[in-house]
Amino acid sequence: MGGHHAISGTAAWMALAGSAPVMDHVVGLDLWDLDPAQVVAGAVVATGAALLPDIDHPSATISRSGGGLTKAITRAVSTVAGHRGATHTFLAAAFFTALAIVVNRLDWQLVVPVVGEVQAGAALLVTVMCALGTRALKMVEGRLLPWIVGVASGLLVAVVAPDTSIWLPAAVAVGALTHLIGDLLTTDGIPFPTWPLVIKPPKRLASGIWQRSGDIAVPLLGNAGSAREWLVCTVLTGYAVVATVATVAAAPWVLAV
């Protein structure tokens, strides 16, 4: 489910990138040695990026987030790839990450009143990911408001975390891969890991884990939207909230106040 994918992306990012203390323990592994502003900005991006594989689903959150344009894109992708097809592969996750790197490196500067000069590629990525994430989590409603919040977040990140070379593509990768892991844990599963080279099992070996189609699943959560899924995502939500609040509280500007 869209909201569950989004909060899973947030939790996964905080677990990997977080470093703030909570009751004498750190909230994450601090893999990239980021400052608090970069960690929080990365959480925003990972939340939205966790929805990217569902660009193949005309009814998904990502389809409803940009009006006619996103609906047309998702319909086109769905027609070509089908749901849980090409966009739900490790190759697709690598493509999303590579695209983030390219956009992030665009030498395109934009002068914004009050804010000043910002890196337009990075601001655009944050805007889109924030709009998708906030809509999926139902933090804001409507078609326009998520994008207003997204633009504001993009400009804010350009000010407080301007060095996006590491955390931004890393956050896209974490979000996309988290989506794949989430779908892997349901009964429908995801395409074979080596897609487009798909290895199908012999009939006698086919099961719910290695399916006749070649898809694989570790269905610990059962069907999508199951009670188990809700339980796990409730725990992830609690962790993500605590980790994010702790990270914001550890920021230098907060400590200074």
C-alpha atoms as a PDB file:
ATOM      1  CA  MET A   1       0.000   0.000   0.000  1.00  0.00           C
ATOM      2  CA  GLY A   2       1.256   3.465  -0.887  1.00  0.00           C
ATOM      3  CA  GLY A   3       1.368   4.924   2.607  1.00  0.00           C
ATOM      4  CA  HIS A   4       3.111   1.837   3.940  1.00  0.00           C
ATOM      5  CA  HIS A   5       5.727   1.967   1.196  1.00  0.00           C
ATOM      6  CA  ALA A   6       6.322   5.635   2.003  1.00  0.00           C
ATOM      7  CA  ILE A   7       6.772   5.180   5.762  1.00  0.00           C
ATOM      8  CA  SER A   8       8.971   2.133   5.117  1.00  0.00           C
ATOM      9  CA  GLY A   9      11.228   4.348   2.999  1.00  0.00           C
ATOM     10  CA  THR A  10      11.439   6.883   5.826  1.00  0.00           C
ATOM     11  CA  ALA A  11      12.234   4.214   8.427  1.00  0.00           C
ATOM     12  CA  ALA A  12      14.822   2.493   6.235  1.00  0.00           C
ATOM     13  CA  TRP A  13      16.615   5.778   5.585  1.00  0.00           C
ATOM     14  CA  MET A  14      16.682   6.731   9.252  1.00  0.00           C
ATOM     15  CA  ALA A  15      17.977   3.269  10.151  1.00  0.00           C
ATOM     16  CA  LEU A  16      20.846   3.571   7.672  1.00  0.00           C
ATOM     17  CA  ALA A  17      21.669   7.283   7.858  1.00  0.00           C
ATOM     18  CA  GLY A  18      20.511   8.395  11.301  1.00  0.00           C
ATOM     19  CA  SER A  19      22.971   9.157  14.084  1.00  0.00           C
ATOM     20  CA  ALA A  20      20.985  11.124  16.679  1.00  0.00           C
ATOM     21  CA  PRO A  21      20.985   9.832  20.276  1.00  0.00           C
ATOM     22  CA  VAL A  22      17.850   8.460  21.939  1.00  0.00           C
ATOM     23  CA  MET A  23      18.204   7.156  25.494  1.00  0.00           C
ATOM     24  CA  ASP A  24      21.942   6.510  25.138  1.00  0.00           C
ATOM     25  CA  HIS A  25      21.511   4.762  21.786  1.00  0.00           C
ATOM     26  CA  VAL A  26      21.834   6.137  18.261  1.00  0.00           C
ATOM     27  CA  VAL A  27      18.820   5.837  15.973  1.00  0.00           C
ATOM     28  CA  GLY A  28      20.746   4.533  12.962  1.00  0.00           C
ATOM     29  CA  LEU A  29      23.994   3.290  11.474  1.00  0.00           C
ATOM     30  CA  ASP A  30      25.286   6.696  10.264  1.00  0.00           C
ATOM     31  CA  LEU A  31      26.553   5.104   7.035  1.00  0.00           C
ATOM     32  CA  TRP A  32      27.243   8.321   5.180  1.00  0.00           C
ATOM     33  CA  ASP A  33      28.354  10.582   8.051  1.00  0.00           C
ATOM     34  CA  LEU A  34      25.674  13.168   7.303  1.00  0.00           C
ATOM     35  CA  ASP A  35      24.721  16.198   9.355  1.00  0.00           C
ATOM     36  CA  PRO A  36      21.176  16.405  10.787  1.00  0.00           C
ATOM     37  CA  ALA A  37      19.867  18.604   7.982  1.00  0.00           C
ATOM     38  CA  GLN A  38      21.066  16.128   5.367  1.00  0.00           C
ATOM     39  CA  VAL A  39      19.574  13.200   7.276  1.00  0.00           C
ATOM     40  CA  VAL A  40      16.147  14.850   7.505  1.00  0.00           C
ATOM     41  CA  ALA A  41      16.276  15.962   3.865  1.00  0.00           C
ATOM     42  CA  GLY A  42      17.243  12.442   2.839  1.00  0.00           C
ATOM     43  CA  ALA A  43      14.289  11.071   4.801  1.00  0.00           C
ATOM     44  CA  VAL A  44      11.970  13.307   2.783  1.00  0.00           C
ATOM     45  CA  VAL A  45      13.454  12.048  -0.482  1.00  0.00           C
ATOM     46  CA  ALA A  46      13.470   8.379   0.558  1.00  0.00           C
ATOM     47  CA  THR A  47       9.804   8.655   1.547  1.00  0.00           C
ATOM     48  CA  GLY A  48       8.833   9.768  -1.939  1.00  0.00           C
ATOM     49  CA  ALA A  49      11.301   7.490  -3.725  1.00  0.00           C
ATOM     50  CA  ALA A  50       9.691   4.486  -2.026  1.00  0.00           C
ATOM     51  CA  LEU A  51       6.703   5.096  -4.322  1.00  0.00           C
ATOM     52  CA  LEU A  52       8.651   5.190  -7.604  1.00  0.00           C
ATOM     53  CA  PRO A  53       8.298   1.491  -8.554  1.00  0.00           C
ATOM     54  CA  ASP A  54       4.510   1.939  -8.559  1.00  0.00           C
ATOM     55  CA  ILE A  55       4.823   4.190 -11.577  1.00  0.00           C
ATOM     56  CA  ASP A  56       3.468   1.106 -13.373  1.00  0.00           C
ATOM     57  CA  HIS A  57       0.105   1.252 -11.541  1.00  0.00           C
ATOM     58  CA  PRO A  58      -2.589   3.655 -12.883  1.00  0.00           C
ATOM     59  CA  SER A  59      -4.384   3.681  -9.514  1.00  0.00           C
ATOM     60  CA  ALA A  60      -1.328   4.171  -7.314  1.00  0.00           C
ATOM     61  CA  THR A  61      -0.583   7.296  -5.268  1.00  0.00           C
ATOM     62  CA  ILE A  62       2.083   8.378  -7.728  1.00  0.00           C
ATOM     63  CA  SER A  63      -0.514   8.289 -10.522  1.00  0.00           C
ATOM     64  CA  ARG A  64      -2.900  10.564  -8.626  1.00  0.00           C
ATOM     65  CA  SER A  65      -0.272  13.066  -7.549  1.00  0.00           C
ATOM     66  CA  GLY A  66       0.284  15.061 -10.722  1.00  0.00           C
ATOM     67  CA  GLY A  67      -3.068  15.227 -12.437  1.00  0.00           C
ATOM     68  CA  GLY A  68      -3.354  14.193 -16.078  1.00  0.00           C
ATOM     69  CA  LEU A  69       0.412  14.055 -16.642  1.00  0.00           C
ATOM     70  CA  THR A  70       1.188  11.421 -14.023  1.00  0.00           C
ATOM     71  CA  LYS A  71      -1.922   9.443 -14.930  1.00  0.00           C
ATOM     72  CA  ALA A  72      -0.825   9.350 -18.570  1.00  0.00           C
ATOM     73  CA  ILE A  73       2.686   8.266 -17.585  1.00  0.00           C
ATOM     74  CA  THR A  74       1.507   5.482 -15.290  1.00  0.00           C
ATOM     75  CA  ARG A  75      -0.987   4.219 -17.867  1.00  0.00           C
ATOM     76  CA  ALA A  76       1.735   4.110 -20.508  1.00  0.00           C
ATOM     77  CA  VAL A  77       4.184   2.303 -18.217  1.00  0.00           C
ATOM     78  CA  SER A  78       1.459  -0.118 -17.098  1.00  0.00           C
ATOM     79  CA  THR A  79       0.604  -0.933 -20.708  1.00  0.00           C
ATOM     80  CA  VAL A  80       4.222  -1.735 -21.516  1.00  0.00           C
ATOM     81  CA  ALA A  81       5.407  -3.340 -18.287  1.00  0.00           C
ATOM     82  CA  GLY A  82       2.306  -4.405 -16.347  1.00  0.00           C
ATOM     83  CA  HIS A  83       2.089  -4.081 -12.554  1.00  0.00           C
ATOM     84  CA  ARG A  84       4.992  -5.449 -10.519  1.00  0.00           C
ATOM     85  CA  GLY A  85       6.919  -5.943 -13.715  1.00  0.00           C
ATOM     86  CA  ALA A  86       9.965  -4.080 -14.985  1.00  0.00           C
ATOM     87  CA  THR A  87       9.714  -1.190 -12.525  1.00  0.00           C
ATOM     88  CA  HIS A  88       9.799  -3.620  -9.589  1.00  0.00           C
ATOM     89  CA  THR A  89      13.284  -4.925 -10.362  1.00  0.00           C
ATOM     90  CA  PHE A  90      16.797  -4.224  -9.135  1.00  0.00           C
ATOM     91  CA  LEU A  91      17.573  -2.890 -12.595  1.00  0.00           C
ATOM     92  CA  ALA A  92      14.777  -0.321 -12.203  1.00  0.00           C
ATOM     93  CA  ALA A  93      16.100   0.701  -8.773  1.00  0.00           C
ATOM     94  CA  ALA A  94      19.511   1.236 -10.365  1.00  0.00           C
ATOM     95  CA  PHE A  95      17.876   3.291 -13.130  1.00  0.00           C
ATOM     96  CA  PHE A  96      16.013   5.507 -10.639  1.00  0.00           C
ATOM     97  CA  THR A  97      19.266   6.079  -8.747  1.00  0.00           C
ATOM     98  CA  ALA A  98      21.231   6.857 -11.914  1.00  0.00           C
ATOM     99  CA  LEU A  99      18.524   9.297 -13.003  1.00  0.00           C
ATOM    100  CA  ALA A 100      18.772  11.019  -9.614  1.00  0.00           C
ATOM    101  CA  ILE A 101      22.535  11.342 -10.037  1.00  0.00           C
ATOM    102  CA  VAL A 102      22.134  12.871 -13.498  1.00  0.00           C
ATOM    103  CA  VAL A 103      19.451  15.353 -12.411  1.00  0.00           C
ATOM    104  CA  ASN A 104      21.411  16.224  -9.277  1.00  0.00           C
ATOM    105  CA  ARG A 105      24.494  17.039 -11.342  1.00  0.00           C
ATOM    106  CA  LEU A 106      22.716  19.288 -13.816  1.00  0.00           C
ATOM    107  CA  ASP A 107      24.624  22.552 -13.903  1.00  0.00           C
ATOM    108  CA  TRP A 108      21.496  24.643 -13.697  1.00  0.00           C
ATOM    109  CA  GLN A 109      21.339  27.356 -11.081  1.00  0.00           C
ATOM    110  CA  LEU A 110      18.143  29.186 -10.228  1.00  0.00           C
ATOM    111  CA  VAL A 111      17.960  32.532  -8.442  1.00  0.00           C
ATOM    112  CA  VAL A 112      15.055  32.619  -5.989  1.00  0.00           C
ATOM    113  CA  PRO A 113      14.038  35.810  -4.166  1.00  0.00           C
ATOM    114  CA  VAL A 114      15.085  35.788  -0.490  1.00  0.00           C
ATOM    115  CA  VAL A 115      16.605  32.307  -0.834  1.00  0.00           C
ATOM    116  CA  GLY A 116      19.223  33.291  -3.407  1.00  0.00           C
ATOM    117  CA  GLU A 117      20.923  30.923  -5.874  1.00  0.00           C
ATOM    118  CA  VAL A 118      19.909  27.248  -5.618  1.00  0.00           C
ATOM    119  CA  GLN A 119      20.817  24.083  -7.481  1.00  0.00           C
ATOM    120  CA  ALA A 120      17.703  23.587  -9.565  1.00  0.00           C
ATOM    121  CA  GLY A 121      18.146  19.862 -10.235  1.00  0.00           C
ATOM    122  CA  ALA A 122      18.392  18.949  -6.557  1.00  0.00           C
ATOM    123  CA  ALA A 123      15.542  21.286  -5.613  1.00  0.00           C
ATOM    124  CA  LEU A 124      13.345  19.713  -8.289  1.00  0.00           C
ATOM    125  CA  LEU A 125      14.049  16.187  -7.058  1.00  0.00           C
ATOM    126  CA  VAL A 126      13.268  17.091  -3.466  1.00  0.00           C
ATOM    127  CA  THR A 127      10.088  18.869  -4.566  1.00  0.00           C
ATOM    128  CA  VAL A 128       8.771  15.824  -6.445  1.00  0.00           C
ATOM    129  CA  MET A 129       9.746  13.307  -3.761  1.00  0.00           C
ATOM    130  CA  CYS A 130       8.252  15.443  -0.981  1.00  0.00           C
ATOM    131  CA  ALA A 131       5.000  15.942  -2.877  1.00  0.00           C
ATOM    132  CA  LEU A 132       4.669  12.194  -3.452  1.00  0.00           C
ATOM    133  CA  GLY A 133       5.571  11.288   0.115  1.00  0.00           C
ATOM    134  CA  THR A 134       3.311  13.769   1.884  1.00  0.00           C
ATOM    135  CA  ARG A 135       0.376  12.760  -0.284  1.00  0.00           C
ATOM    136  CA  ALA A 136       0.976   9.047   0.298  1.00  0.00           C
ATOM    137  CA  LEU A 137       1.149   9.593   4.051  1.00  0.00           C
ATOM    138  CA  LYS A 138      -2.001  11.759   3.890  1.00  0.00           C
ATOM    139  CA  MET A 139      -0.163  14.604   5.587  1.00  0.00           C
ATOM    140  CA  VAL A 140      -1.756  16.965   3.068  1.00  0.00           C
ATOM    141  CA  GLU A 141      -4.726  16.513   0.766  1.00  0.00           C
ATOM    142  CA  GLY A 142      -5.739  17.748  -2.662  1.00  0.00           C
ATOM    143  CA  ARG A 143      -3.819  18.049  -5.912  1.00  0.00           C
ATOM    144  CA  LEU A 144      -2.188  21.426  -5.378  1.00  0.00           C
ATOM    145  CA  LEU A 145      -1.215  21.513  -1.698  1.00  0.00           C
ATOM    146  CA  PRO A 146       1.278  18.589  -1.857  1.00  0.00           C
ATOM    147  CA  TRP A 147       3.170  20.423  -4.589  1.00  0.00           C
ATOM    148  CA  ILE A 148       3.170  23.679  -2.645  1.00  0.00           C
ATOM    149  CA  VAL A 149       4.663  21.802   0.312  1.00  0.00           C
ATOM    150  CA  GLY A 150       7.077  20.084  -2.069  1.00  0.00           C
ATOM    151  CA  VAL A 151       8.348  23.364  -3.551  1.00  0.00           C
ATOM    152  CA  ALA A 152       8.781  24.843  -0.087  1.00  0.00           C
ATOM    153  CA  SER A 153      10.724  21.759   0.999  1.00  0.00           C
ATOM    154  CA  GLY A 154      12.895  21.860  -2.114  1.00  0.00           C
ATOM    155  CA  LEU A 155      13.864  25.474  -1.457  1.00  0.00           C
ATOM    156  CA  LEU A 156      14.404  24.826   2.252  1.00  0.00           C
ATOM    157  CA  VAL A 157      16.709  21.905   1.517  1.00  0.00           C
ATOM    158  CA  ALA A 158      18.644  24.059  -0.942  1.00  0.00           C
ATOM    159  CA  VAL A 159      19.384  26.388   1.975  1.00  0.00           C
ATOM    160  CA  VAL A 160      20.017  24.008   4.899  1.00  0.00           C
ATOM    161  CA  ALA A 161      21.545  21.033   3.028  1.00  0.00           C
ATOM    162  CA  PRO A 162      23.003  22.368  -0.228  1.00  0.00           C
ATOM    163  CA  ASP A 163      25.611  19.614  -0.645  1.00  0.00           C
ATOM    164  CA  THR A 164      23.431  16.917  -2.225  1.00  0.00           C
ATOM    165  CA  SER A 165      26.133  14.868  -3.949  1.00  0.00           C
ATOM    166  CA  ILE A 166      25.912  11.894  -1.573  1.00  0.00           C
ATOM    167  CA  TRP A 167      22.668  11.884   0.363  1.00  0.00           C
ATOM    168  CA  LEU A 168      20.238  12.669  -2.454  1.00  0.00           C
ATOM    169  CA  PRO A 169      21.003   9.744  -4.815  1.00  0.00           C
ATOM    170  CA  ALA A 170      21.522   7.497  -1.774  1.00  0.00           C
ATOM    171  CA  ALA A 171      18.040   8.387  -0.522  1.00  0.00           C
ATOM    172  CA  VAL A 172      16.493   7.572  -3.905  1.00  0.00           C
ATOM    173  CA  ALA A 173      18.255   4.201  -3.900  1.00  0.00           C
ATOM    174  CA  VAL A 174      17.127   3.418  -0.343  1.00  0.00           C
ATOM    175  CA  GLY A 175      13.518   4.356  -1.088  1.00  0.00           C
ATOM    176  CA  ALA A 176      13.302   2.327  -4.301  1.00  0.00           C
ATOM    177  CA  LEU A 177      14.957  -0.747  -2.774  1.00  0.00           C
ATOM    178  CA  THR A 178      12.738  -0.544   0.301  1.00  0.00           C
ATOM    179  CA  HIS A 179       9.699  -0.705  -1.977  1.00  0.00           C
ATOM    180  CA  LEU A 180      11.028  -3.892  -3.574  1.00  0.00           C
ATOM    181  CA  ILE A 181      11.663  -5.468  -0.180  1.00  0.00           C
ATOM    182  CA  GLY A 182       8.151  -4.590   0.946  1.00  0.00           C
ATOM    183  CA  ASP A 183       6.572  -6.211  -2.111  1.00  0.00           C
ATOM    184  CA  LEU A 184       8.879  -9.217  -1.766  1.00  0.00           C
ATOM    185  CA  LEU A 185       7.343  -9.852   1.662  1.00  0.00           C
ATOM    186  CA  THR A 186       3.825 -10.170   0.202  1.00  0.00           C
ATOM    187  CA  THR A 187       2.293 -13.130  -1.592  1.00  0.00           C
ATOM    188  CA  ASP A 188       2.544 -11.565  -5.073  1.00  0.00           C
ATOM    189  CA  GLY A 189       6.305 -11.047  -4.760  1.00  0.00           C
ATOM    190  CA  ILE A 190       8.545  -9.349  -7.308  1.00  0.00           C
ATOM    191  CA  PRO A 191      10.238 -10.377 -10.582  1.00  0.00           C
ATOM    192  CA  PHE A 192      13.248 -12.685 -10.444  1.00  0.00           C
ATOM    193  CA  PRO A 193      16.354 -10.803  -9.165  1.00  0.00           C
ATOM    194  CA  THR A 194      18.253 -11.140 -12.452  1.00  0.00           C
ATOM    195  CA  TRP A 195      15.394  -9.654 -14.533  1.00  0.00           C
ATOM    196  CA  PRO A 196      15.221  -9.347 -17.560  1.00  0.00           C
ATOM    197  CA  LEU A 197      16.866 -12.787 -17.371  1.00  0.00           C
ATOM    198  CA  VAL A 198      14.086 -14.724 -15.626  1.00  0.00           C
ATOM    199  CA  ILE A 199      14.636 -18.257 -14.370  1.00  0.00           C
ATOM    200  CA  LYS A 200      11.413 -20.214 -13.968  1.00  0.00           C
ATOM    201  CA  PRO A 201      11.231 -23.249 -11.707  1.00  0.00           C
ATOM    202  CA  PRO A 202      10.422 -26.749 -12.924  1.00  0.00           C
ATOM    203  CA  LYS A 203       6.719 -27.512 -12.338  1.00  0.00           C
ATOM    204  CA  ARG A 204       7.474 -29.783  -9.397  1.00  0.00           C
ATOM    205  CA  LEU A 205       9.519 -27.074  -7.650  1.00  0.00           C
ATOM    206  CA  ALA A 206       7.110 -24.174  -8.187  1.00  0.00           C
ATOM    207  CA  SER A 207       5.717 -22.742  -4.963  1.00  0.00           C
ATOM    208  CA  GLY A 208       4.550 -19.534  -3.363  1.00  0.00           C
ATOM    209  CA  ILE A 209       8.216 -18.630  -2.878  1.00  0.00           C
ATOM    210  CA  TRP A 210       9.504 -19.423  -6.383  1.00  0.00           C
ATOM    211  CA  GLN A 211       6.445 -19.042  -8.557  1.00  0.00           C
ATOM    212  CA  ARG A 212       5.638 -20.530 -11.952  1.00  0.00           C
ATOM    213  CA  SER A 213       6.047 -17.103 -13.550  1.00  0.00           C
ATOM    214  CA  GLY A 214       9.580 -16.855 -12.166  1.00  0.00           C
ATOM    215  CA  ASP A 215       8.563 -14.260  -9.587  1.00  0.00           C
ATOM    216  CA  ILE A 216       9.879 -14.731  -6.076  1.00  0.00           C
ATOM    217  CA  ALA A 217       8.257 -13.992  -2.717  1.00  0.00           C
ATOM    218  CA  VAL A 218       8.986 -14.355   0.969  1.00  0.00           C
ATOM    219  CA  PRO A 219       5.345 -13.826   2.011  1.00  0.00           C
ATOM    220  CA  LEU A 220       5.857 -13.052   5.681  1.00  0.00           C
ATOM    221  CA  LEU A 221       3.258 -10.267   5.476  1.00  0.00           C
ATOM    222  CA  GLY A 222       0.688 -12.252   3.495  1.00  0.00           C
ATOM    223  CA  ASN A 223      -1.480 -10.325   1.034  1.00  0.00           C
ATOM    224  CA  ALA A 224      -0.931  -6.608   0.528  1.00  0.00           C
ATOM    225  CA  GLY A 225      -2.899  -4.645   3.120  1.00  0.00           C
ATOM    226  CA  SER A 226      -3.005  -7.521   5.607  1.00  0.00           C
ATOM    227  CA  ALA A 227      -3.201  -7.084   9.366  1.00  0.00           C
ATOM    228  CA  ARG A 228       0.449  -8.142   9.579  1.00  0.00           C
ATOM    229  CA  GLU A 229       1.422  -5.409   7.156  1.00  0.00           C
ATOM    230  CA  TRP A 230      -0.471  -2.834   9.223  1.00  0.00           C
ATOM    231  CA  LEU A 231       1.207  -4.045  12.415  1.00  0.00           C
ATOM    232  CA  VAL A 232       4.714  -3.877  10.965  1.00  0.00           C
ATOM    233  CA  CYS A 233       4.122  -0.446   9.446  1.00  0.00           C
ATOM    234  CA  THR A 234       2.696   0.865  12.720  1.00  0.00           C
ATOM    235  CA  VAL A 235       5.975  -0.088  14.392  1.00  0.00           C
ATOM    236  CA  LEU A 236       7.963   1.463  11.527  1.00  0.00           C
ATOM    237  CA  THR A 237       5.931   4.657  11.840  1.00  0.00           C
ATOM    238  CA  GLY A 238       6.742   4.907  15.540  1.00  0.00           C
ATOM    239  CA  TYR A 239      10.433   4.374  14.865  1.00  0.00           C
ATOM    240  CA  ALA A 240      10.495   6.875  11.981  1.00  0.00           C
ATOM    241  CA  VAL A 241       8.793   9.566  14.075  1.00  0.00           C
ATOM    242  CA  VAL A 242      11.134   9.090  17.061  1.00  0.00           C
ATOM    243  CA  ALA A 243      14.243   8.998  14.851  1.00  0.00           C
ATOM    244  CA  THR A 244      13.219  12.088  12.880  1.00  0.00           C
ATOM    245  CA  VAL A 245      12.309  14.112  15.967  1.00  0.00           C
ATOM    246  CA  ALA A 246      15.604  13.124  17.613  1.00  0.00           C
ATOM    247  CA  THR A 247      17.530  14.133  14.497  1.00  0.00           C
ATOM    248  CA  VAL A 248      15.826  17.509  14.300  1.00  0.00           C
ATOM    249  CA  ALA A 249      16.448  18.058  18.019  1.00  0.00           C
ATOM    250  CA  ALA A 250      20.146  17.294  17.518  1.00  0.00           C
ATOM    251  CA  ALA A 251      20.520  19.909  14.775  1.00  0.00           C
ATOM    252  CA  PRO A 252      22.925  22.759  15.608  1.00  0.00           C
ATOM    253  CA  TRP A 253      20.307  25.460  15.074  1.00  0.00           C
ATOM    254  CA  VAL A 254      17.982  23.761  17.564  1.00  0.00           C
ATOM    255  CA  LEU A 255      20.726  23.278  20.137  1.00  0.00           C
ATOM    256  CA  ALA A 256      21.675  26.940  19.750  1.00  0.00           C
ATOM    257  CA  VAL A 257      18.154  27.984  20.668  1.00  0.00           C
END
